[in-house]
Amino acid sequence: PFESIQTWLVGHPLWVAVTVAGLAAAAH
């Protein structure tokens, strides 16, 4: 059921990196 989400995440690594960096900055 998560295959479409996984495919999107692999296809858009910049968005994933920006989201993770933003969450890390907010947590910090």
PDB file of all heavy atoms in Angstrom:
ATOM      1  N   PRO A   1       0.801  -1.227   0.000  1.00  0.00           N
ATOM      2  CA  PRO A   1       0.000   0.000   0.000  1.00  0.00           C
ATOM      3  C   PRO A   1       0.837   1.283   0.000  1.00  0.00           C
ATOM      4  O   PRO A   1       0.330   2.344  -0.335  1.00  0.00           O
ATOM      5  CB  PRO A   1      -0.827  -0.110   1.290  1.00  0.00           C
ATOM      6  CG  PRO A   1      -0.077  -1.046   2.153  1.00  0.00           C
ATOM      7  CD  PRO A   1       0.643  -1.991   1.230  1.00  0.00           C
ATOM      8  N   PHE A   2       2.089   1.187   0.349  1.00  0.00           N
ATOM      9  CA  PHE A   2       2.953   2.365   0.404  1.00  0.00           C
ATOM     10  C   PHE A   2       3.847   2.511  -0.824  1.00  0.00           C
ATOM     11  O   PHE A   2       4.708   3.387  -0.858  1.00  0.00           O
ATOM     12  CB  PHE A   2       3.821   2.328   1.664  1.00  0.00           C
ATOM     13  CG  PHE A   2       3.031   2.288   2.931  1.00  0.00           C
ATOM     14  CD1 PHE A   2       2.988   1.152   3.706  1.00  0.00           C
ATOM     15  CD2 PHE A   2       2.313   3.397   3.340  1.00  0.00           C
ATOM     16  CE1 PHE A   2       2.258   1.110   4.874  1.00  0.00           C
ATOM     17  CE2 PHE A   2       1.573   3.366   4.508  1.00  0.00           C
ATOM     18  CZ  PHE A   2       1.543   2.215   5.281  1.00  0.00           C
ATOM     19  N   GLU A   3       3.662   1.678  -1.827  1.00  0.00           N
ATOM     20  CA  GLU A   3       4.552   1.694  -2.996  1.00  0.00           C
ATOM     21  C   GLU A   3       4.537   3.040  -3.706  1.00  0.00           C
ATOM     22  O   GLU A   3       5.590   3.544  -4.113  1.00  0.00           O
ATOM     23  CB  GLU A   3       4.175   0.583  -3.966  1.00  0.00           C
ATOM     24  CG  GLU A   3       5.150   0.459  -5.119  1.00  0.00           C
ATOM     25  CD  GLU A   3       4.867  -0.749  -5.994  1.00  0.00           C
ATOM     26  OE1 GLU A   3       3.891  -1.468  -5.734  1.00  0.00           O
ATOM     27  OE2 GLU A   3       5.640  -0.954  -6.928  1.00  0.00           O
ATOM     28  N   SER A   4       3.377   3.655  -3.858  1.00  0.00           N
ATOM     29  CA  SER A   4       3.324   4.945  -4.550  1.00  0.00           C
ATOM     30  C   SER A   4       4.059   6.025  -3.756  1.00  0.00           C
ATOM     31  O   SER A   4       4.732   6.877  -4.340  1.00  0.00           O
ATOM     32  CB  SER A   4       1.875   5.359  -4.803  1.00  0.00           C
ATOM     33  OG  SER A   4       1.183   5.505  -3.576  1.00  0.00           O
ATOM     34  N   ILE A   5       3.957   5.981  -2.431  1.00  0.00           N
ATOM     35  CA  ILE A   5       4.666   6.954  -1.595  1.00  0.00           C
ATOM     36  C   ILE A   5       6.173   6.734  -1.706  1.00  0.00           C
ATOM     37  O   ILE A   5       6.944   7.685  -1.854  1.00  0.00           O
ATOM     38  CB  ILE A   5       4.209   6.842  -0.134  1.00  0.00           C
ATOM     39  CG1 ILE A   5       2.742   7.193   0.000  1.00  0.00           C
ATOM     40  CG2 ILE A   5       5.054   7.735   0.774  1.00  0.00           C
ATOM     41  CD1 ILE A   5       2.154   6.871   1.347  1.00  0.00           C
ATOM     42  N   GLN A   6       6.596   5.477  -1.670  1.00  0.00           N
ATOM     43  CA  GLN A   6       8.019   5.154  -1.780  1.00  0.00           C
ATOM     44  C   GLN A   6       8.570   5.610  -3.124  1.00  0.00           C
ATOM     45  O   GLN A   6       9.666   6.180  -3.201  1.00  0.00           O
ATOM     46  CB  GLN A   6       8.232   3.659  -1.593  1.00  0.00           C
ATOM     47  CG  GLN A   6       7.880   3.162  -0.223  1.00  0.00           C
ATOM     48  CD  GLN A   6       7.837   1.639  -0.147  1.00  0.00           C
ATOM     49  OE1 GLN A   6       8.243   0.950  -1.051  1.00  0.00           O
ATOM     50  NE2 GLN A   6       7.321   1.132   0.956  1.00  0.00           N
ATOM     51  N   THR A   7       7.810   5.386  -4.180  1.00  0.00           N
ATOM     52  CA  THR A   7       8.245   5.796  -5.514  1.00  0.00           C
ATOM     53  C   THR A   7       8.384   7.313  -5.584  1.00  0.00           C
ATOM     54  O   THR A   7       9.346   7.836  -6.145  1.00  0.00           O
ATOM     55  CB  THR A   7       7.245   5.298  -6.577  1.00  0.00           C
ATOM     56  OG1 THR A   7       7.144   3.884  -6.462  1.00  0.00           O
ATOM     57  CG2 THR A   7       7.686   5.671  -7.971  1.00  0.00           C
ATOM     58  N   TRP A   8       7.433   8.027  -5.000  1.00  0.00           N
ATOM     59  CA  TRP A   8       7.501   9.491  -5.004  1.00  0.00           C
ATOM     60  C   TRP A   8       8.715   9.974  -4.221  1.00  0.00           C
ATOM     61  O   TRP A   8       9.423  10.882  -4.655  1.00  0.00           O
ATOM     62  CB  TRP A   8       6.227  10.091  -4.406  1.00  0.00           C
ATOM     63  CG  TRP A   8       6.191  11.572  -4.562  1.00  0.00           C
ATOM     64  CD1 TRP A   8       5.704  12.276  -5.615  1.00  0.00           C
ATOM     65  CD2 TRP A   8       6.710  12.543  -3.637  1.00  0.00           C
ATOM     66  NE1 TRP A   8       5.878  13.620  -5.394  1.00  0.00           N
ATOM     67  CE2 TRP A   8       6.483  13.813  -4.199  1.00  0.00           C
ATOM     68  CE3 TRP A   8       7.324  12.450  -2.402  1.00  0.00           C
ATOM     69  CZ2 TRP A   8       6.857  14.988  -3.559  1.00  0.00           C
ATOM     70  CZ3 TRP A   8       7.702  13.633  -1.763  1.00  0.00           C
ATOM     71  CH2 TRP A   8       7.466  14.872  -2.336  1.00  0.00           C
ATOM     72  N   LEU A   9       8.970   9.385  -3.061  1.00  0.00           N
ATOM     73  CA  LEU A   9      10.118   9.792  -2.246  1.00  0.00           C
ATOM     74  C   LEU A   9      11.433   9.572  -2.979  1.00  0.00           C
ATOM     75  O   LEU A   9      12.330  10.416  -2.923  1.00  0.00           O
ATOM     76  CB  LEU A   9      10.118   9.034  -0.919  1.00  0.00           C
ATOM     77  CG  LEU A   9       9.015   9.410   0.065  1.00  0.00           C
ATOM     78  CD1 LEU A   9       9.023   8.449   1.245  1.00  0.00           C
ATOM     79  CD2 LEU A   9       9.164  10.837   0.531  1.00  0.00           C
ATOM     80  N   VAL A  10      11.552   8.448  -3.679  1.00  0.00           N
ATOM     81  CA  VAL A  10      12.777   8.165  -4.439  1.00  0.00           C
ATOM     82  C   VAL A  10      12.914   9.141  -5.605  1.00  0.00           C
ATOM     83  O   VAL A  10      14.009   9.570  -5.942  1.00  0.00           O
ATOM     84  CB  VAL A  10      12.771   6.699  -4.939  1.00  0.00           C
ATOM     85  CG1 VAL A  10      13.884   6.450  -5.931  1.00  0.00           C
ATOM     86  CG2 VAL A  10      12.884   5.757  -3.759  1.00  0.00           C
ATOM     87  N   GLY A  11      11.800   9.533  -6.188  1.00  0.00           N
ATOM     88  CA  GLY A  11      11.831  10.454  -7.321  1.00  0.00           C
ATOM     89  C   GLY A  11      12.066  11.901  -6.943  1.00  0.00           C
ATOM     90  O   GLY A  11      12.365  12.726  -7.806  1.00  0.00           O
ATOM     91  N   HIS A  12      11.924  12.246  -5.672  1.00  0.00           N
ATOM     92  CA  HIS A  12      12.067  13.633  -5.230  1.00  0.00           C
ATOM     93  C   HIS A  12      12.990  13.725  -4.004  1.00  0.00           C
ATOM     94  O   HIS A  12      12.570  14.136  -2.920  1.00  0.00           O
ATOM     95  CB  HIS A  12      10.688  14.201  -4.880  1.00  0.00           C
ATOM     96  CG  HIS A  12       9.743  14.223  -6.028  1.00  0.00           C
ATOM     97  ND1 HIS A  12       8.959  13.135  -6.348  1.00  0.00           N
ATOM     98  CD2 HIS A  12       9.468  15.172  -6.945  1.00  0.00           C
ATOM     99  CE1 HIS A  12       8.227  13.428  -7.407  1.00  0.00           C
ATOM    100  NE2 HIS A  12       8.527  14.656  -7.796  1.00  0.00           N
ATOM    101  N   PRO A  13      14.256  13.368  -4.168  1.00  0.00           N
ATOM    102  CA  PRO A  13      15.166  13.360  -3.016  1.00  0.00           C
ATOM    103  C   PRO A  13      15.421  14.743  -2.427  1.00  0.00           C
ATOM    104  O   PRO A  13      15.676  14.867  -1.230  1.00  0.00           O
ATOM    105  CB  PRO A  13      16.452  12.747  -3.573  1.00  0.00           C
ATOM    106  CG  PRO A  13      16.394  13.018  -5.036  1.00  0.00           C
ATOM    107  CD  PRO A  13      14.937  12.962  -5.394  1.00  0.00           C
ATOM    108  N   LEU A  14      15.342  15.784  -3.245  1.00  0.00           N
ATOM    109  CA  LEU A  14      15.579  17.133  -2.723  1.00  0.00           C
ATOM    110  C   LEU A  14      14.497  17.513  -1.713  1.00  0.00           C
ATOM    111  O   LEU A  14      14.803  18.077  -0.655  1.00  0.00           O
ATOM    112  CB  LEU A  14      15.630  18.152  -3.859  1.00  0.00           C
ATOM    113  CG  LEU A  14      15.927  19.586  -3.429  1.00  0.00           C
ATOM    114  CD1 LEU A  14      17.286  19.666  -2.740  1.00  0.00           C
ATOM    115  CD2 LEU A  14      15.884  20.517  -4.620  1.00  0.00           C
ATOM    116  N   TRP A  15      13.249  17.199  -2.015  1.00  0.00           N
ATOM    117  CA  TRP A  15      12.166  17.493  -1.081  1.00  0.00           C
ATOM    118  C   TRP A  15      12.338  16.725   0.219  1.00  0.00           C
ATOM    119  O   TRP A  15      12.071  17.248   1.300  1.00  0.00           O
ATOM    120  CB  TRP A  15      10.805  17.171  -1.698  1.00  0.00           C
ATOM    121  CG  TRP A  15      10.367  18.190  -2.699  1.00  0.00           C
ATOM    122  CD1 TRP A  15      10.281  18.012  -4.042  1.00  0.00           C
ATOM    123  CD2 TRP A  15       9.988  19.547  -2.445  1.00  0.00           C
ATOM    124  NE1 TRP A  15       9.869  19.167  -4.635  1.00  0.00           N
ATOM    125  CE2 TRP A  15       9.681  20.133  -3.680  1.00  0.00           C
ATOM    126  CE3 TRP A  15       9.885  20.302  -1.301  1.00  0.00           C
ATOM    127  CZ2 TRP A  15       9.274  21.460  -3.787  1.00  0.00           C
ATOM    128  CZ3 TRP A  15       9.478  21.624  -1.413  1.00  0.00           C
ATOM    129  CH2 TRP A  15       9.174  22.181  -2.643  1.00  0.00           C
ATOM    130  N   VAL A  16      12.789  15.504   0.110  1.00  0.00           N
ATOM    131  CA  VAL A  16      13.018  14.693   1.316  1.00  0.00           C
ATOM    132  C   VAL A  16      14.125  15.320   2.156  1.00  0.00           C
ATOM    133  O   VAL A  16      13.982  15.483   3.373  1.00  0.00           O
ATOM    134  CB  VAL A  16      13.366  13.235   0.944  1.00  0.00           C
ATOM    135  CG1 VAL A  16      13.738  12.428   2.177  1.00  0.00           C
ATOM    136  CG2 VAL A  16      12.209  12.583   0.202  1.00  0.00           C
ATOM    137  N   ALA A  17      15.217  15.711   1.519  1.00  0.00           N
ATOM    138  CA  ALA A  17      16.346  16.310   2.239  1.00  0.00           C
ATOM    139  C   ALA A  17      15.947  17.639   2.887  1.00  0.00           C
ATOM    140  O   ALA A  17      16.304  17.909   4.045  1.00  0.00           O
ATOM    141  CB  ALA A  17      17.520  16.517   1.295  1.00  0.00           C
ATOM    142  N   VAL A  18      15.202  18.458   2.173  1.00  0.00           N
ATOM    143  CA  VAL A  18      14.766  19.748   2.716  1.00  0.00           C
ATOM    144  C   VAL A  18      13.830  19.540   3.906  1.00  0.00           C
ATOM    145  O   VAL A  18      13.938  20.232   4.924  1.00  0.00           O
ATOM    146  CB  VAL A  18      14.083  20.588   1.612  1.00  0.00           C
ATOM    147  CG1 VAL A  18      13.352  21.785   2.191  1.00  0.00           C
ATOM    148  CG2 VAL A  18      15.111  21.036   0.586  1.00  0.00           C
ATOM    149  N   THR A  19      12.932  18.579   3.804  1.00  0.00           N
ATOM    150  CA  THR A  19      12.000  18.298   4.900  1.00  0.00           C
ATOM    151  C   THR A  19      12.738  17.807   6.138  1.00  0.00           C
ATOM    152  O   THR A  19      12.475  18.272   7.250  1.00  0.00           O
ATOM    153  CB  THR A  19      10.953  17.259   4.454  1.00  0.00           C
ATOM    154  OG1 THR A  19      10.261  17.764   3.309  1.00  0.00           O
ATOM    155  CG2 THR A  19       9.974  16.958   5.554  1.00  0.00           C
ATOM    156  N   VAL A  20      13.668  16.888   5.949  1.00  0.00           N
ATOM    157  CA  VAL A  20      14.436  16.368   7.087  1.00  0.00           C
ATOM    158  C   VAL A  20      15.270  17.479   7.718  1.00  0.00           C
ATOM    159  O   VAL A  20      15.328  17.605   8.950  1.00  0.00           O
ATOM    160  CB  VAL A  20      15.317  15.174   6.651  1.00  0.00           C
ATOM    161  CG1 VAL A  20      16.295  14.788   7.741  1.00  0.00           C
ATOM    162  CG2 VAL A  20      14.443  14.000   6.271  1.00  0.00           C
ATOM    163  N   ALA A  21      15.895  18.315   6.895  1.00  0.00           N
ATOM    164  CA  ALA A  21      16.701  19.416   7.429  1.00  0.00           C
ATOM    165  C   ALA A  21      15.829  20.413   8.187  1.00  0.00           C
ATOM    166  O   ALA A  21      16.219  20.910   9.252  1.00  0.00           O
ATOM    167  CB  ALA A  21      17.441  20.118   6.292  1.00  0.00           C
ATOM    168  N   GLY A  22      14.657  20.702   7.658  1.00  0.00           N
ATOM    169  CA  GLY A  22      13.744  21.620   8.341  1.00  0.00           C
ATOM    170  C   GLY A  22      13.274  21.078   9.679  1.00  0.00           C
ATOM    171  O   GLY A  22      13.221  21.809  10.682  1.00  0.00           O
ATOM    172  N   LEU A  23      12.938  19.795   9.712  1.00  0.00           N
ATOM    173  CA  LEU A  23      12.517  19.181  10.969  1.00  0.00           C
ATOM    174  C   LEU A  23      13.656  19.165  11.988  1.00  0.00           C
ATOM    175  O   LEU A  23      13.437  19.398  13.178  1.00  0.00           O
ATOM    176  CB  LEU A  23      12.006  17.761  10.715  1.00  0.00           C
ATOM    177  CG  LEU A  23      10.666  17.671   9.976  1.00  0.00           C
ATOM    178  CD1 LEU A  23      10.372  16.223   9.614  1.00  0.00           C
ATOM    179  CD2 LEU A  23       9.551  18.261  10.807  1.00  0.00           C
ATOM    180  N   ALA A  24      14.870  18.903  11.515  1.00  0.00           N
ATOM    181  CA  ALA A  24      16.025  18.904  12.418  1.00  0.00           C
ATOM    182  C   ALA A  24      16.284  20.305  12.969  1.00  0.00           C
ATOM    183  O   ALA A  24      16.568  20.470  14.165  1.00  0.00           O
ATOM    184  CB  ALA A  24      17.255  18.381  11.692  1.00  0.00           C
ATOM    185  N   ALA A  25      16.174  21.325  12.122  1.00  0.00           N
ATOM    186  CA  ALA A  25      16.379  22.699  12.580  1.00  0.00           C
ATOM    187  C   ALA A  25      15.311  23.105  13.586  1.00  0.00           C
ATOM    188  O   ALA A  25      15.617  23.749  14.606  1.00  0.00           O
ATOM    189  CB  ALA A  25      16.368  23.651  11.386  1.00  0.00           C
ATOM    190  N   ALA A  26      14.077  22.711  13.322  1.00  0.00           N
ATOM    191  CA  ALA A  26      12.993  23.033  14.260  1.00  0.00           C
ATOM    192  C   ALA A  26      13.212  22.332  15.597  1.00  0.00           C
ATOM    193  O   ALA A  26      13.033  22.941  16.661  1.00  0.00           O
ATOM    194  CB  ALA A  26      11.655  22.638  13.657  1.00  0.00           C
ATOM    195  N   ALA A  27      13.593  21.075  15.566  1.00  0.00           N
ATOM    196  CA  ALA A  27      13.832  20.329  16.798  1.00  0.00           C
ATOM    197  C   ALA A  27      14.999  20.933  17.572  1.00  0.00           C
ATOM    198  O   ALA A  27      14.958  21.036  18.802  1.00  0.00           O
ATOM    199  CB  ALA A  27      14.112  18.867  16.488  1.00  0.00           C
ATOM    200  N   HIS A  28      16.032  21.369  16.862  1.00  0.00           N
ATOM    201  CA  HIS A  28      17.180  21.989  17.517  1.00  0.00           C
ATOM    202  C   HIS A  28      16.763  23.293  18.187  1.00  0.00           C
ATOM    203  O   HIS A  28      17.172  23.581  19.320  1.00  0.00           O
ATOM    204  CB  HIS A  28      18.294  22.244  16.504  1.00  0.00           C
ATOM    205  CG  HIS A  28      19.495  22.891  17.095  1.00  0.00           C
ATOM    206  ND1 HIS A  28      20.347  22.236  17.958  1.00  0.00           N
ATOM    207  CD2 HIS A  28      19.980  24.148  16.979  1.00  0.00           C
ATOM    208  CE1 HIS A  28      21.311  23.058  18.332  1.00  0.00           C
ATOM    209  NE2 HIS A  28      21.101  24.230  17.747  1.00  0.00           N
TER     210      HIS A  28
END
